[in-house]
């Protein structure tokens, strides 16, 4: 990768190497849990990524060797009024929606504890890989609340209502192997190889036409939420966006000339 750019705030680190962006949740002493300030910093990072044409894949991970994220900062939560709690839940749901709606493919590199809102962040990503030592759980009901950042909606869509209810209503914590069996995870790696595993997937994706990748993700995400006939129309519209692109012509020329295409995202 040819270029490294870094934008570090005290609770979120955004690093770009070539076409790959790495977002690191940076509160390791607090198990990378979310307070309002951290959410605001993450939102700024997402805005920067969304409009950066050079970013083609995004990896999310946690700082330190213990935790991806354990969700909301309960110390801060204790100081909040009911109105402030409502505001926090609105914000975290909005920010995680923005993760899901990024045009670029997203990968959660789950390097440790992944509980509550941390799990919900991972669910908002397109792909999830975990360290073999990681623990995952939708633990909110054990704190007399419910998942409020998409967990009750994204988890059932991923693994089915029955299994999702079992995990959410018991607040059960599961290991990475179990999460992979339930198809919550795309794969498991050693902690030392986790980022390399995620980067390998990112590089495989980044070999392809970046605008085509964006439109394929769009068609899948929005087409799966509607009936088949409407989904096929969404696919057709997404394809039409690609037809006039320079990259499509470059791919045809490269095929004819028996060389690897050089995509520019145009």
C-alpha atoms as a PDB file:
ATOM      1  CA  UNK A   1       0.000   0.000   0.000  1.00  0.00           C
ATOM      2  CA  UNK A   2       1.426   3.315  -1.056  1.00  0.00           C
ATOM      3  CA  UNK A   3       0.044   5.930   1.302  1.00  0.00           C
ATOM      4  CA  UNK A   4      -0.552   6.179   5.011  1.00  0.00           C
ATOM      5  CA  UNK A   5      -2.784   8.900   6.434  1.00  0.00           C
ATOM      6  CA  UNK A   6      -3.788   9.116  10.069  1.00  0.00           C
ATOM      7  CA  UNK A   7      -6.425  11.146  11.852  1.00  0.00           C
ATOM      8  CA  UNK A   8      -6.367  10.469  15.581  1.00  0.00           C
ATOM      9  CA  UNK A   9      -8.781  11.869  18.143  1.00  0.00           C
ATOM     10  CA  UNK A  10      -8.394  10.787  21.716  1.00  0.00           C
ATOM     11  CA  UNK A  11     -11.118   8.107  21.544  1.00  0.00           C
ATOM     12  CA  UNK A  12     -11.231   7.175  17.855  1.00  0.00           C
ATOM     13  CA  UNK A  13      -8.263   6.547  15.573  1.00  0.00           C
ATOM     14  CA  UNK A  14      -8.722   6.629  11.792  1.00  0.00           C
ATOM     15  CA  UNK A  15      -5.816   5.394   9.698  1.00  0.00           C
ATOM     16  CA  UNK A  16      -5.757   4.983   5.922  1.00  0.00           C
ATOM     17  CA  UNK A  17      -3.204   2.821   4.155  1.00  0.00           C
ATOM     18  CA  UNK A  18      -3.728   2.951   0.429  1.00  0.00           C
ATOM     19  CA  UNK A  19      -7.402   2.179  -0.139  1.00  0.00           C
ATOM     20  CA  UNK A  20      -7.959   0.529   3.267  1.00  0.00           C
ATOM     21  CA  UNK A  21      -9.239   2.505   6.263  1.00  0.00           C
ATOM     22  CA  UNK A  22      -8.800   1.240   9.828  1.00  0.00           C
ATOM     23  CA  UNK A  23     -11.069   2.655  12.541  1.00  0.00           C
ATOM     24  CA  UNK A  24      -9.896   1.847  16.066  1.00  0.00           C
ATOM     25  CA  UNK A  25     -12.065   2.316  19.152  1.00  0.00           C
ATOM     26  CA  UNK A  26      -9.510   3.867  21.483  1.00  0.00           C
ATOM     27  CA  UNK A  27     -10.564   3.551  25.128  1.00  0.00           C
ATOM     28  CA  UNK A  28      -8.681   0.394  26.102  1.00  0.00           C
ATOM     29  CA  UNK A  29      -8.690   1.181  29.831  1.00  0.00           C
ATOM     30  CA  UNK A  30     -12.511   1.290  29.652  1.00  0.00           C
ATOM     31  CA  UNK A  31     -12.797  -1.792  27.419  1.00  0.00           C
ATOM     32  CA  UNK A  32     -13.541   0.541  24.486  1.00  0.00           C
ATOM     33  CA  UNK A  33     -17.039   1.291  25.737  1.00  0.00           C
ATOM     34  CA  UNK A  34     -18.965   4.188  24.202  1.00  0.00           C
ATOM     35  CA  UNK A  35     -19.609   7.526  25.862  1.00  0.00           C
ATOM     36  CA  UNK A  36     -21.182  10.502  24.108  1.00  0.00           C
ATOM     37  CA  UNK A  37     -17.834  12.009  23.196  1.00  0.00           C
ATOM     38  CA  UNK A  38     -16.623   8.783  21.603  1.00  0.00           C
ATOM     39  CA  UNK A  39     -19.823   8.490  19.571  1.00  0.00           C
ATOM     40  CA  UNK A  40     -19.367  12.042  18.285  1.00  0.00           C
ATOM     41  CA  UNK A  41     -15.788  11.246  17.260  1.00  0.00           C
ATOM     42  CA  UNK A  42     -16.881   8.049  15.521  1.00  0.00           C
ATOM     43  CA  UNK A  43     -19.561   9.967  13.640  1.00  0.00           C
ATOM     44  CA  UNK A  44     -16.945  12.457  12.398  1.00  0.00           C
ATOM     45  CA  UNK A  45     -14.723   9.583  11.246  1.00  0.00           C
ATOM     46  CA  UNK A  46     -17.619   7.979   9.374  1.00  0.00           C
ATOM     47  CA  UNK A  47     -18.415  11.249   7.611  1.00  0.00           C
ATOM     48  CA  UNK A  48     -14.803  11.509   6.502  1.00  0.00           C
ATOM     49  CA  UNK A  49     -14.795   7.911   5.210  1.00  0.00           C
ATOM     50  CA  UNK A  50     -18.138   8.158   3.410  1.00  0.00           C
ATOM     51  CA  UNK A  51     -16.933  10.960   1.136  1.00  0.00           C
ATOM     52  CA  UNK A  52     -13.359   9.722   0.618  1.00  0.00           C
ATOM     53  CA  UNK A  53     -13.269   8.146  -2.845  1.00  0.00           C
ATOM     54  CA  UNK A  54      -9.882   6.622  -2.065  1.00  0.00           C
ATOM     55  CA  UNK A  55     -11.314   4.420   0.717  1.00  0.00           C
ATOM     56  CA  UNK A  56     -12.573   1.125  -0.675  1.00  0.00           C
ATOM     57  CA  UNK A  57     -12.851  -1.070   2.458  1.00  0.00           C
ATOM     58  CA  UNK A  58     -13.115  -0.198   6.171  1.00  0.00           C
ATOM     59  CA  UNK A  59     -12.009  -2.330   9.131  1.00  0.00           C
ATOM     60  CA  UNK A  60     -13.278  -1.604  12.658  1.00  0.00           C
ATOM     61  CA  UNK A  61     -11.403  -2.911  15.698  1.00  0.00           C
ATOM     62  CA  UNK A  62     -10.664  -2.137  19.346  1.00  0.00           C
ATOM     63  CA  UNK A  63      -7.482  -0.799  20.930  1.00  0.00           C
ATOM     64  CA  UNK A  64      -5.584  -3.024  23.339  1.00  0.00           C
ATOM     65  CA  UNK A  65      -5.711  -6.791  23.658  1.00  0.00           C
ATOM     66  CA  UNK A  66      -8.831  -7.225  25.820  1.00  0.00           C
ATOM     67  CA  UNK A  67     -11.860  -5.746  24.130  1.00  0.00           C
ATOM     68  CA  UNK A  68     -13.487  -4.839  20.829  1.00  0.00           C
ATOM     69  CA  UNK A  69     -16.148  -2.925  22.762  1.00  0.00           C
ATOM     70  CA  UNK A  70     -18.336  -3.667  25.776  1.00  0.00           C
ATOM     71  CA  UNK A  71     -21.047  -1.242  24.666  1.00  0.00           C
ATOM     72  CA  UNK A  72     -22.308   1.817  26.489  1.00  0.00           C
ATOM     73  CA  UNK A  73     -20.282   3.429  29.281  1.00  0.00           C
ATOM     74  CA  UNK A  74     -22.404   2.532  32.305  1.00  0.00           C
ATOM     75  CA  UNK A  75     -20.429   4.910  34.519  1.00  0.00           C
ATOM     76  CA  UNK A  76     -21.568   7.789  32.332  1.00  0.00           C
ATOM     77  CA  UNK A  77     -25.062   6.298  32.092  1.00  0.00           C
ATOM     78  CA  UNK A  78     -25.495   6.524  35.871  1.00  0.00           C
ATOM     79  CA  UNK A  79     -25.075  10.299  35.708  1.00  0.00           C
ATOM     80  CA  UNK A  80     -27.680  10.789  32.957  1.00  0.00           C
ATOM     81  CA  UNK A  81     -31.234  11.991  33.256  1.00  0.00           C
ATOM     82  CA  UNK A  82     -33.960  10.063  31.427  1.00  0.00           C
ATOM     83  CA  UNK A  83     -33.891  12.664  28.660  1.00  0.00           C
ATOM     84  CA  UNK A  84     -30.125  12.262  28.311  1.00  0.00           C
ATOM     85  CA  UNK A  85     -30.478   8.481  28.107  1.00  0.00           C
ATOM     86  CA  UNK A  86     -33.002   8.900  25.275  1.00  0.00           C
ATOM     87  CA  UNK A  87     -30.577  11.222  23.513  1.00  0.00           C
ATOM     88  CA  UNK A  88     -27.723   8.730  23.918  1.00  0.00           C
ATOM     89  CA  UNK A  89     -29.778   5.830  22.543  1.00  0.00           C
ATOM     90  CA  UNK A  90     -30.861   7.975  19.582  1.00  0.00           C
ATOM     91  CA  UNK A  91     -27.233   8.904  18.906  1.00  0.00           C
ATOM     92  CA  UNK A  92     -25.763   5.397  19.137  1.00  0.00           C
ATOM     93  CA  UNK A  93     -28.509   3.972  16.916  1.00  0.00           C
ATOM     94  CA  UNK A  94     -27.949   6.763  14.394  1.00  0.00           C
ATOM     95  CA  UNK A  95     -24.171   6.291  14.346  1.00  0.00           C
ATOM     96  CA  UNK A  96     -24.438   2.509  13.891  1.00  0.00           C
ATOM     97  CA  UNK A  97     -26.952   3.066  11.098  1.00  0.00           C
ATOM     98  CA  UNK A  98     -24.301   5.238   9.458  1.00  0.00           C
ATOM     99  CA  UNK A  99     -21.836   2.346   9.736  1.00  0.00           C
ATOM    100  CA  UNK A 100     -24.314   0.047   7.990  1.00  0.00           C
ATOM    101  CA  UNK A 101     -25.008   2.668   5.318  1.00  0.00           C
ATOM    102  CA  UNK A 102     -21.369   3.310   4.383  1.00  0.00           C
ATOM    103  CA  UNK A 103     -21.022   2.669   0.655  1.00  0.00           C
ATOM    104  CA  UNK A 104     -17.744   0.814   1.211  1.00  0.00           C
ATOM    105  CA  UNK A 105     -17.676  -2.785   2.521  1.00  0.00           C
ATOM    106  CA  UNK A 106     -17.010  -2.929   6.269  1.00  0.00           C
ATOM    107  CA  UNK A 107     -15.297  -5.585   8.388  1.00  0.00           C
ATOM    108  CA  UNK A 108     -15.444  -5.934  12.180  1.00  0.00           C
ATOM    109  CA  UNK A 109     -12.178  -7.322  13.583  1.00  0.00           C
ATOM    110  CA  UNK A 110     -13.414  -8.508  16.981  1.00  0.00           C
ATOM    111  CA  UNK A 111     -10.266  -8.731  19.064  1.00  0.00           C
ATOM    112  CA  UNK A 112     -11.787  -9.402  22.500  1.00  0.00           C
ATOM    113  CA  UNK A 113     -14.944  -8.735  24.504  1.00  0.00           C
ATOM    114  CA  UNK A 114     -17.841  -7.835  22.207  1.00  0.00           C
ATOM    115  CA  UNK A 115     -20.867  -7.151  24.356  1.00  0.00           C
ATOM    116  CA  UNK A 116     -24.022  -5.039  24.115  1.00  0.00           C
ATOM    117  CA  UNK A 117     -23.445  -2.030  21.888  1.00  0.00           C
ATOM    118  CA  UNK A 118     -20.104  -3.467  20.799  1.00  0.00           C
ATOM    119  CA  UNK A 119     -21.939  -6.488  19.405  1.00  0.00           C
ATOM    120  CA  UNK A 120     -24.442  -4.146  17.755  1.00  0.00           C
ATOM    121  CA  UNK A 121     -21.615  -2.244  16.058  1.00  0.00           C
ATOM    122  CA  UNK A 122     -20.230  -5.526  14.729  1.00  0.00           C
ATOM    123  CA  UNK A 123     -23.687  -6.471  13.421  1.00  0.00           C
ATOM    124  CA  UNK A 124     -23.841  -3.179  11.504  1.00  0.00           C
ATOM    125  CA  UNK A 125     -20.731  -4.253   9.560  1.00  0.00           C
ATOM    126  CA  UNK A 126     -20.867  -6.363   6.405  1.00  0.00           C
ATOM    127  CA  UNK A 127     -18.413  -8.979   7.684  1.00  0.00           C
ATOM    128  CA  UNK A 128     -17.311 -10.123  11.142  1.00  0.00           C
ATOM    129  CA  UNK A 129     -14.116 -11.959  12.060  1.00  0.00           C
ATOM    130  CA  UNK A 130     -13.111 -12.667  15.650  1.00  0.00           C
ATOM    131  CA  UNK A 131     -10.068 -13.741  17.609  1.00  0.00           C
ATOM    132  CA  UNK A 132     -10.411 -17.292  18.905  1.00  0.00           C
ATOM    133  CA  UNK A 133     -10.317 -15.876  22.449  1.00  0.00           C
ATOM    134  CA  UNK A 134     -13.157 -13.388  21.847  1.00  0.00           C
ATOM    135  CA  UNK A 135     -16.454 -13.463  23.731  1.00  0.00           C
ATOM    136  CA  UNK A 136     -19.685 -12.119  22.277  1.00  0.00           C
ATOM    137  CA  UNK A 137     -23.028 -11.389  23.877  1.00  0.00           C
ATOM    138  CA  UNK A 138     -26.150  -9.262  23.627  1.00  0.00           C
ATOM    139  CA  UNK A 139     -26.101  -8.659  27.375  1.00  0.00           C
ATOM    140  CA  UNK A 140     -28.515  -5.741  27.777  1.00  0.00           C
ATOM    141  CA  UNK A 141     -31.386  -7.536  29.508  1.00  0.00           C
ATOM    142  CA  UNK A 142     -29.033  -8.462  32.358  1.00  0.00           C
ATOM    143  CA  UNK A 143     -28.864  -4.697  32.991  1.00  0.00           C
ATOM    144  CA  UNK A 144     -32.678  -4.386  32.831  1.00  0.00           C
ATOM    145  CA  UNK A 145     -32.626  -2.731  29.400  1.00  0.00           C
ATOM    146  CA  UNK A 146     -32.867  -4.039  25.834  1.00  0.00           C
ATOM    147  CA  UNK A 147     -30.571  -3.734  22.817  1.00  0.00           C
ATOM    148  CA  UNK A 148     -31.223  -0.239  21.509  1.00  0.00           C
ATOM    149  CA  UNK A 149     -28.745   0.194  18.661  1.00  0.00           C
ATOM    150  CA  UNK A 150     -30.145  -2.334  16.221  1.00  0.00           C
ATOM    151  CA  UNK A 151     -29.543  -5.629  18.017  1.00  0.00           C
ATOM    152  CA  UNK A 152     -33.163  -6.774  18.143  1.00  0.00           C
ATOM    153  CA  UNK A 153     -33.468  -6.198  14.395  1.00  0.00           C
ATOM    154  CA  UNK A 154     -30.116  -7.103  12.859  1.00  0.00           C
ATOM    155  CA  UNK A 155     -29.414 -10.287  14.844  1.00  0.00           C
ATOM    156  CA  UNK A 156     -32.719 -12.034  13.935  1.00  0.00           C
ATOM    157  CA  UNK A 157     -32.201 -11.121  10.278  1.00  0.00           C
ATOM    158  CA  UNK A 158     -28.751 -12.694  10.460  1.00  0.00           C
ATOM    159  CA  UNK A 159     -29.418 -15.940  12.359  1.00  0.00           C
ATOM    160  CA  UNK A 160     -33.203 -16.235  12.611  1.00  0.00           C
ATOM    161  CA  UNK A 161     -35.718 -15.292  15.298  1.00  0.00           C
ATOM    162  CA  UNK A 162     -35.367 -18.371  17.486  1.00  0.00           C
ATOM    163  CA  UNK A 163     -31.598 -18.254  17.935  1.00  0.00           C
ATOM    164  CA  UNK A 164     -31.621 -14.468  18.259  1.00  0.00           C
ATOM    165  CA  UNK A 165     -34.278 -14.588  20.987  1.00  0.00           C
ATOM    166  CA  UNK A 166     -32.273 -17.230  22.817  1.00  0.00           C
ATOM    167  CA  UNK A 167     -29.154 -15.056  22.851  1.00  0.00           C
ATOM    168  CA  UNK A 168     -30.938 -11.774  23.615  1.00  0.00           C
ATOM    169  CA  UNK A 169     -33.383 -13.007  26.268  1.00  0.00           C
ATOM    170  CA  UNK A 170     -30.760 -15.017  28.166  1.00  0.00           C
ATOM    171  CA  UNK A 171     -28.015 -12.348  27.827  1.00  0.00           C
ATOM    172  CA  UNK A 172     -25.777 -15.332  27.137  1.00  0.00           C
ATOM    173  CA  UNK A 173     -22.097 -14.822  26.370  1.00  0.00           C
ATOM    174  CA  UNK A 174     -20.705 -17.122  23.717  1.00  0.00           C
ATOM    175  CA  UNK A 175     -17.217 -17.915  22.454  1.00  0.00           C
ATOM    176  CA  UNK A 176     -15.985 -17.270  18.935  1.00  0.00           C
ATOM    177  CA  UNK A 177     -16.369 -20.895  17.841  1.00  0.00           C
ATOM    178  CA  UNK A 178     -20.048 -20.882  18.829  1.00  0.00           C
ATOM    179  CA  UNK A 179     -20.587 -17.540  17.101  1.00  0.00           C
ATOM    180  CA  UNK A 180     -19.060 -18.949  13.927  1.00  0.00           C
ATOM    181  CA  UNK A 181     -21.308 -22.031  14.116  1.00  0.00           C
ATOM    182  CA  UNK A 182     -24.337 -19.722  14.449  1.00  0.00           C
ATOM    183  CA  UNK A 183     -23.052 -17.843  11.354  1.00  0.00           C
ATOM    184  CA  UNK A 184     -22.680 -14.600  13.284  1.00  0.00           C
ATOM    185  CA  UNK A 185     -19.023 -14.650  12.248  1.00  0.00           C
ATOM    186  CA  UNK A 186     -17.500 -15.107   8.811  1.00  0.00           C
ATOM    187  CA  UNK A 187     -14.416 -16.630  10.385  1.00  0.00           C
ATOM    188  CA  UNK A 188     -12.138 -17.010  13.403  1.00  0.00           C
ATOM    189  CA  UNK A 189      -8.389 -16.405  13.682  1.00  0.00           C
ATOM    190  CA  UNK A 190      -5.774 -16.236  16.386  1.00  0.00           C
ATOM    191  CA  UNK A 191      -5.544 -12.841  18.034  1.00  0.00           C
ATOM    192  CA  UNK A 192      -2.147 -12.318  16.409  1.00  0.00           C
ATOM    193  CA  UNK A 193      -3.497 -13.074  12.914  1.00  0.00           C
ATOM    194  CA  UNK A 194      -6.903 -11.379  13.201  1.00  0.00           C
ATOM    195  CA  UNK A 195      -6.061  -8.109  11.449  1.00  0.00           C
ATOM    196  CA  UNK A 196      -4.094  -9.983   8.788  1.00  0.00           C
ATOM    197  CA  UNK A 197      -7.150 -12.183   8.156  1.00  0.00           C
ATOM    198  CA  UNK A 198      -9.393  -9.137   7.800  1.00  0.00           C
ATOM    199  CA  UNK A 199      -6.856  -7.366   5.608  1.00  0.00           C
ATOM    200  CA  UNK A 200      -6.668 -10.437   3.371  1.00  0.00           C
ATOM    201  CA  UNK A 201     -10.415 -10.231   2.774  1.00  0.00           C
ATOM    202  CA  UNK A 202     -10.174  -6.470   2.214  1.00  0.00           C
ATOM    203  CA  UNK A 203      -7.430  -6.913  -0.384  1.00  0.00           C
ATOM    204  CA  UNK A 204      -9.448  -9.563  -2.201  1.00  0.00           C
ATOM    205  CA  UNK A 205     -12.383  -7.136  -2.404  1.00  0.00           C
ATOM    206  CA  UNK A 206     -10.174  -4.204  -3.413  1.00  0.00           C
ATOM    207  CA  UNK A 207      -8.894  -6.034  -6.503  1.00  0.00           C
ATOM    208  CA  UNK A 208     -12.318  -5.511  -8.048  1.00  0.00           C
ATOM    209  CA  UNK A 209     -14.031  -2.494  -9.567  1.00  0.00           C
ATOM    210  CA  UNK A 210     -14.718  -0.186  -6.608  1.00  0.00           C
ATOM    211  CA  UNK A 211     -17.917   1.300  -8.034  1.00  0.00           C
ATOM    212  CA  UNK A 212     -19.179  -2.184  -8.864  1.00  0.00           C
ATOM    213  CA  UNK A 213     -18.467  -3.308  -5.293  1.00  0.00           C
ATOM    214  CA  UNK A 214     -20.417  -0.320  -3.944  1.00  0.00           C
ATOM    215  CA  UNK A 215     -23.397  -0.973  -6.199  1.00  0.00           C
ATOM    216  CA  UNK A 216     -23.397  -4.722  -5.466  1.00  0.00           C
ATOM    217  CA  UNK A 217     -23.460  -3.991  -1.725  1.00  0.00           C
ATOM    218  CA  UNK A 218     -26.277  -1.498  -2.262  1.00  0.00           C
ATOM    219  CA  UNK A 219     -28.329  -3.987  -4.285  1.00  0.00           C
ATOM    220  CA  UNK A 220     -27.906  -6.733  -1.684  1.00  0.00           C
ATOM    221  CA  UNK A 221     -28.639  -4.538   1.337  1.00  0.00           C
ATOM    222  CA  UNK A 222     -31.746  -2.897  -0.047  1.00  0.00           C
ATOM    223  CA  UNK A 223     -32.938  -5.746  -2.257  1.00  0.00           C
ATOM    224  CA  UNK A 224     -33.061  -8.217   0.644  1.00  0.00           C
ATOM    225  CA  UNK A 225     -35.543  -6.003   2.509  1.00  0.00           C
ATOM    226  CA  UNK A 226     -38.218  -6.110  -0.218  1.00  0.00           C
ATOM    227  CA  UNK A 227     -40.055  -8.672  -2.342  1.00  0.00           C
ATOM    228  CA  UNK A 228     -38.147 -10.383  -5.167  1.00  0.00           C
ATOM    229  CA  UNK A 229     -39.703  -8.362  -7.993  1.00  0.00           C
ATOM    230  CA  UNK A 230     -38.779  -5.069  -6.320  1.00  0.00           C
ATOM    231  CA  UNK A 231     -35.333  -6.434  -5.460  1.00  0.00           C
ATOM    232  CA  UNK A 232     -34.697  -7.268  -9.092  1.00  0.00           C
ATOM    233  CA  UNK A 233     -35.605  -3.710 -10.036  1.00  0.00           C
ATOM    234  CA  UNK A 234     -33.134  -2.413  -7.437  1.00  0.00           C
ATOM    235  CA  UNK A 235     -30.465  -4.676  -8.960  1.00  0.00           C
ATOM    236  CA  UNK A 236     -31.293  -3.381 -12.438  1.00  0.00           C
ATOM    237  CA  UNK A 237     -30.950   0.247 -11.335  1.00  0.00           C
ATOM    238  CA  UNK A 238     -27.664  -0.500  -9.587  1.00  0.00           C
ATOM    239  CA  UNK A 239     -26.353  -2.108 -12.775  1.00  0.00           C
ATOM    240  CA  UNK A 240     -27.340   0.932 -14.834  1.00  0.00           C
ATOM    241  CA  UNK A 241     -25.130   3.113 -12.620  1.00  0.00           C
ATOM    242  CA  UNK A 242     -22.112   1.011 -13.656  1.00  0.00           C
ATOM    243  CA  UNK A 243     -22.658   0.991 -17.433  1.00  0.00           C
ATOM    244  CA  UNK A 244     -21.205   4.459 -18.218  1.00  0.00           C
ATOM    245  CA  UNK A 245     -18.164   4.099 -15.922  1.00  0.00           C
ATOM    246  CA  UNK A 246     -14.555   4.243 -17.065  1.00  0.00           C
ATOM    247  CA  UNK A 247     -13.755   1.181 -14.950  1.00  0.00           C
ATOM    248  CA  UNK A 248     -16.203  -0.991 -16.927  1.00  0.00           C
ATOM    249  CA  UNK A 249     -14.488  -0.084 -20.191  1.00  0.00           C
ATOM    250  CA  UNK A 250     -11.078  -0.599 -18.587  1.00  0.00           C
ATOM    251  CA  UNK A 251     -12.098  -4.132 -17.540  1.00  0.00           C
ATOM    252  CA  UNK A 252     -13.144  -4.979 -21.113  1.00  0.00           C
ATOM    253  CA  UNK A 253      -9.907  -3.552 -22.531  1.00  0.00           C
ATOM    254  CA  UNK A 254      -7.819  -5.433 -19.963  1.00  0.00           C
ATOM    255  CA  UNK A 255      -9.587  -8.691 -20.835  1.00  0.00           C
ATOM    256  CA  UNK A 256      -8.910  -8.127 -24.533  1.00  0.00           C
ATOM    257  CA  UNK A 257      -5.255  -7.233 -23.875  1.00  0.00           C
ATOM    258  CA  UNK A 258      -4.738 -10.126 -21.425  1.00  0.00           C
ATOM    259  CA  UNK A 259      -3.628  -7.884 -18.541  1.00  0.00           C
ATOM    260  CA  UNK A 260      -4.808  -6.978 -15.073  1.00  0.00           C
ATOM    261  CA  UNK A 261      -7.234  -4.035 -15.078  1.00  0.00           C
ATOM    262  CA  UNK A 262      -6.286  -0.789 -13.348  1.00  0.00           C
ATOM    263  CA  UNK A 263      -9.425   0.513 -11.690  1.00  0.00           C
ATOM    264  CA  UNK A 264      -9.741   4.167 -10.682  1.00  0.00           C
ATOM    265  CA  UNK A 265     -13.203   4.233  -9.193  1.00  0.00           C
ATOM    266  CA  UNK A 266     -14.510   6.323 -12.079  1.00  0.00           C
END
